[in-house]
Amino acid sequence: VQMVESGGGMVQAGGSLGLSCAASGLTIWYWTMAWYRQTQGQGRTLVARLRWSDNSTFYIDSVKGRFTLTKDNARNPMYLPMTSLKPEDTAIYYCNEAPPDAGYWGRGTQVTVSS
């Protein structure tokens, strides 16, 4: 199983980005998938999660109303549109199961928000 994240980049505060997660070799529709982020010197923390079976979602308070998890049953099965980005959203973003499987971590995708 390999997680491949994409869509990161550099934007100014208030801008938008859309992250995508591909999970090759994994049947994900029976699982709960999540996005995590890691800032320099910190561990990975949960940002949002999506339960595949019923589309229920959870978001940390700081991203509610700005980030929206969606499923895409095409090439990239999980998508995270992010709007109204803030400098504190700057991090490397990863996707994984929830709770995470240590063997599934990918390289992540860097999101940098300038003020």
C-alpha atoms as a PDB file:
ATOM      1  CA  VAL A   1       0.000   0.000   0.000  1.00  0.00           C
ATOM      2  CA  GLN A   2       1.251   3.435  -0.890  1.00  0.00           C
ATOM      3  CA  MET A   3      -0.288   6.798  -0.123  1.00  0.00           C
ATOM      4  CA  VAL A   4       0.493   9.496  -2.640  1.00  0.00           C
ATOM      5  CA  GLU A   5      -0.413  13.050  -1.746  1.00  0.00           C
ATOM      6  CA  SER A   6      -0.438  15.919  -4.207  1.00  0.00           C
ATOM      7  CA  GLY A   7      -1.752  19.412  -4.704  1.00  0.00           C
ATOM      8  CA  GLY A   8       0.323  21.379  -2.243  1.00  0.00           C
ATOM      9  CA  GLY A   9       1.978  24.664  -3.067  1.00  0.00           C
ATOM     10  CA  MET A  10       2.617  28.226  -1.990  1.00  0.00           C
ATOM     11  CA  VAL A  11      -0.226  30.698  -1.612  1.00  0.00           C
ATOM     12  CA  GLN A  12      -0.879  33.957   0.128  1.00  0.00           C
ATOM     13  CA  ALA A  13      -3.143  34.125   3.144  1.00  0.00           C
ATOM     14  CA  GLY A  14      -6.751  33.921   2.058  1.00  0.00           C
ATOM     15  CA  GLY A  15      -5.923  31.763  -0.923  1.00  0.00           C
ATOM     16  CA  SER A  16      -7.033  28.257  -1.777  1.00  0.00           C
ATOM     17  CA  LEU A  17      -5.473  24.917  -2.584  1.00  0.00           C
ATOM     18  CA  GLY A  18      -6.848  21.451  -3.209  1.00  0.00           C
ATOM     19  CA  LEU A  19      -5.063  18.359  -1.950  1.00  0.00           C
ATOM     20  CA  SER A  20      -5.536  14.902  -3.384  1.00  0.00           C
ATOM     21  CA  CYS A  21      -4.794  11.486  -1.934  1.00  0.00           C
ATOM     22  CA  ALA A  22      -4.344   8.317  -3.919  1.00  0.00           C
ATOM     23  CA  ALA A  23      -4.215   5.027  -2.080  1.00  0.00           C
ATOM     24  CA  SER A  24      -2.932   2.353  -4.383  1.00  0.00           C
ATOM     25  CA  GLY A  25      -3.221  -1.208  -3.290  1.00  0.00           C
ATOM     26  CA  LEU A  26      -5.815  -0.464  -0.627  1.00  0.00           C
ATOM     27  CA  THR A  27      -9.516  -1.028  -0.586  1.00  0.00           C
ATOM     28  CA  ILE A  28     -10.448   2.120   1.216  1.00  0.00           C
ATOM     29  CA  TRP A  29     -14.181   2.215   1.019  1.00  0.00           C
ATOM     30  CA  TYR A  30     -14.520   0.148   4.151  1.00  0.00           C
ATOM     31  CA  TRP A  31     -12.220   2.342   6.169  1.00  0.00           C
ATOM     32  CA  THR A  32     -11.941   5.754   7.744  1.00  0.00           C
ATOM     33  CA  MET A  33      -9.417   7.924   5.946  1.00  0.00           C
ATOM     34  CA  ALA A  34      -7.875  11.112   7.211  1.00  0.00           C
ATOM     35  CA  TRP A  35      -5.601  14.007   6.482  1.00  0.00           C
ATOM     36  CA  TYR A  36      -2.822  14.863   8.894  1.00  0.00           C
ATOM     37  CA  ARG A  37      -0.291  17.648   8.941  1.00  0.00           C
ATOM     38  CA  GLN A  38       3.130  18.142  10.378  1.00  0.00           C
ATOM     39  CA  THR A  39       4.908  21.390  11.067  1.00  0.00           C
ATOM     40  CA  GLN A  40       8.627  21.726  11.588  1.00  0.00           C
ATOM     41  CA  GLY A  41       9.667  20.192  14.861  1.00  0.00           C
ATOM     42  CA  GLN A  42       6.205  18.808  15.602  1.00  0.00           C
ATOM     43  CA  GLY A  43       4.546  15.449  15.165  1.00  0.00           C
ATOM     44  CA  ARG A  44       1.781  14.693  12.742  1.00  0.00           C
ATOM     45  CA  THR A  45      -1.649  15.796  13.914  1.00  0.00           C
ATOM     46  CA  LEU A  46      -5.109  15.018  12.647  1.00  0.00           C
ATOM     47  CA  VAL A  47      -6.769  17.630  10.443  1.00  0.00           C
ATOM     48  CA  ALA A  48      -9.904  15.883   9.201  1.00  0.00           C
ATOM     49  CA  ARG A  49     -11.257  12.386   8.674  1.00  0.00           C
ATOM     50  CA  LEU A  50     -13.887  10.778   6.487  1.00  0.00           C
ATOM     51  CA  ARG A  51     -15.674   7.517   7.171  1.00  0.00           C
ATOM     52  CA  TRP A  52     -16.125   5.832   3.874  1.00  0.00           C
ATOM     53  CA  SER A  53     -19.238   3.847   4.764  1.00  0.00           C
ATOM     54  CA  ASP A  54     -21.519   6.751   5.594  1.00  0.00           C
ATOM     55  CA  ASN A  55     -19.566   9.856   4.526  1.00  0.00           C
ATOM     56  CA  SER A  56     -19.474  11.167   8.077  1.00  0.00           C
ATOM     57  CA  THR A  57     -16.694  13.660   8.664  1.00  0.00           C
ATOM     58  CA  PHE A  58     -14.736  15.239  11.481  1.00  0.00           C
ATOM     59  CA  TYR A  59     -12.681  18.429  11.367  1.00  0.00           C
ATOM     60  CA  ILE A  60     -10.465  20.048  13.928  1.00  0.00           C
ATOM     61  CA  ASP A  61     -11.869  23.362  15.072  1.00  0.00           C
ATOM     62  CA  SER A  62      -9.251  25.488  13.332  1.00  0.00           C
ATOM     63  CA  VAL A  63     -10.221  24.268   9.847  1.00  0.00           C
ATOM     64  CA  LYS A  64     -13.992  23.982  10.211  1.00  0.00           C
ATOM     65  CA  GLY A  65     -15.747  25.924   7.511  1.00  0.00           C
ATOM     66  CA  ARG A  66     -12.554  26.273   5.482  1.00  0.00           C
ATOM     67  CA  PHE A  67     -11.586  22.687   4.623  1.00  0.00           C
ATOM     68  CA  THR A  68     -13.995  20.134   3.143  1.00  0.00           C
ATOM     69  CA  LEU A  69     -13.274  16.433   2.732  1.00  0.00           C
ATOM     70  CA  THR A  70     -14.746  14.829  -0.350  1.00  0.00           C
ATOM     71  CA  LYS A  71     -14.523  11.442  -1.962  1.00  0.00           C
ATOM     72  CA  ASP A  72     -13.477  11.029  -5.546  1.00  0.00           C
ATOM     73  CA  ASN A  73     -13.895   7.506  -6.813  1.00  0.00           C
ATOM     74  CA  ALA A  74     -11.698   8.201  -9.821  1.00  0.00           C
ATOM     75  CA  ARG A  75      -7.944   8.398  -9.740  1.00  0.00           C
ATOM     76  CA  ASN A  76      -7.588  10.252  -6.443  1.00  0.00           C
ATOM     77  CA  PRO A  77     -10.138   8.841  -4.037  1.00  0.00           C
ATOM     78  CA  MET A  78      -9.900  11.530  -1.368  1.00  0.00           C
ATOM     79  CA  TYR A  79      -9.788  15.255  -1.916  1.00  0.00           C
ATOM     80  CA  LEU A  80      -9.312  18.168   0.471  1.00  0.00           C
ATOM     81  CA  PRO A  81     -10.254  21.571  -0.902  1.00  0.00           C
ATOM     82  CA  MET A  82      -8.841  24.232   1.400  1.00  0.00           C
ATOM     83  CA  THR A  83     -10.021  27.824   1.347  1.00  0.00           C
ATOM     84  CA  SER A  84      -9.241  30.963   3.338  1.00  0.00           C
ATOM     85  CA  LEU A  85      -5.817  29.574   4.083  1.00  0.00           C
ATOM     86  CA  LYS A  86      -3.884  31.028   6.991  1.00  0.00           C
ATOM     87  CA  PRO A  87      -0.147  31.084   7.719  1.00  0.00           C
ATOM     88  CA  GLU A  88      -0.754  28.627  10.560  1.00  0.00           C
ATOM     89  CA  ASP A  89      -1.968  26.098   7.973  1.00  0.00           C
ATOM     90  CA  THR A  90       1.607  25.871   6.708  1.00  0.00           C
ATOM     91  CA  ALA A  91       2.684  22.243   7.065  1.00  0.00           C
ATOM     92  CA  ILE A  92       3.353  19.016   5.240  1.00  0.00           C
ATOM     93  CA  TYR A  93       0.021  17.287   4.673  1.00  0.00           C
ATOM     94  CA  TYR A  94      -0.332  13.508   4.678  1.00  0.00           C
ATOM     95  CA  CYS A  95      -3.199  11.118   4.166  1.00  0.00           C
ATOM     96  CA  ASN A  96      -3.575   7.814   5.959  1.00  0.00           C
ATOM     97  CA  GLU A  97      -6.162   5.716   7.677  1.00  0.00           C
ATOM     98  CA  ALA A  98      -7.649   6.821  10.955  1.00  0.00           C
ATOM     99  CA  PRO A  99      -6.134   5.740  13.223  1.00  0.00           C
ATOM    100  CA  PRO A 100      -3.025   5.847  11.039  1.00  0.00           C
ATOM    101  CA  ASP A 101      -1.190   2.776   9.847  1.00  0.00           C
ATOM    102  CA  ALA A 102       2.529   3.337  10.348  1.00  0.00           C
ATOM    103  CA  GLY A 103       3.314   1.510   7.141  1.00  0.00           C
ATOM    104  CA  TYR A 104       1.108   3.680   4.959  1.00  0.00           C
ATOM    105  CA  TRP A 105       2.722   7.088   5.391  1.00  0.00           C
ATOM    106  CA  GLY A 106       3.635   8.683   2.087  1.00  0.00           C
ATOM    107  CA  ARG A 107       5.919  11.608   1.404  1.00  0.00           C
ATOM    108  CA  GLY A 108       3.217  14.177   1.968  1.00  0.00           C
ATOM    109  CA  THR A 109       2.666  17.425   0.142  1.00  0.00           C
ATOM    110  CA  GLN A 110       3.947  20.793   1.334  1.00  0.00           C
ATOM    111  CA  VAL A 111       1.502  23.638   1.882  1.00  0.00           C
ATOM    112  CA  THR A 112       3.019  27.056   2.517  1.00  0.00           C
ATOM    113  CA  VAL A 113       0.834  30.056   3.287  1.00  0.00           C
ATOM    114  CA  SER A 114       2.482  33.454   3.393  1.00  0.00           C
ATOM    115  CA  SER A 115       1.092  36.407   5.285  1.00  0.00           C
END
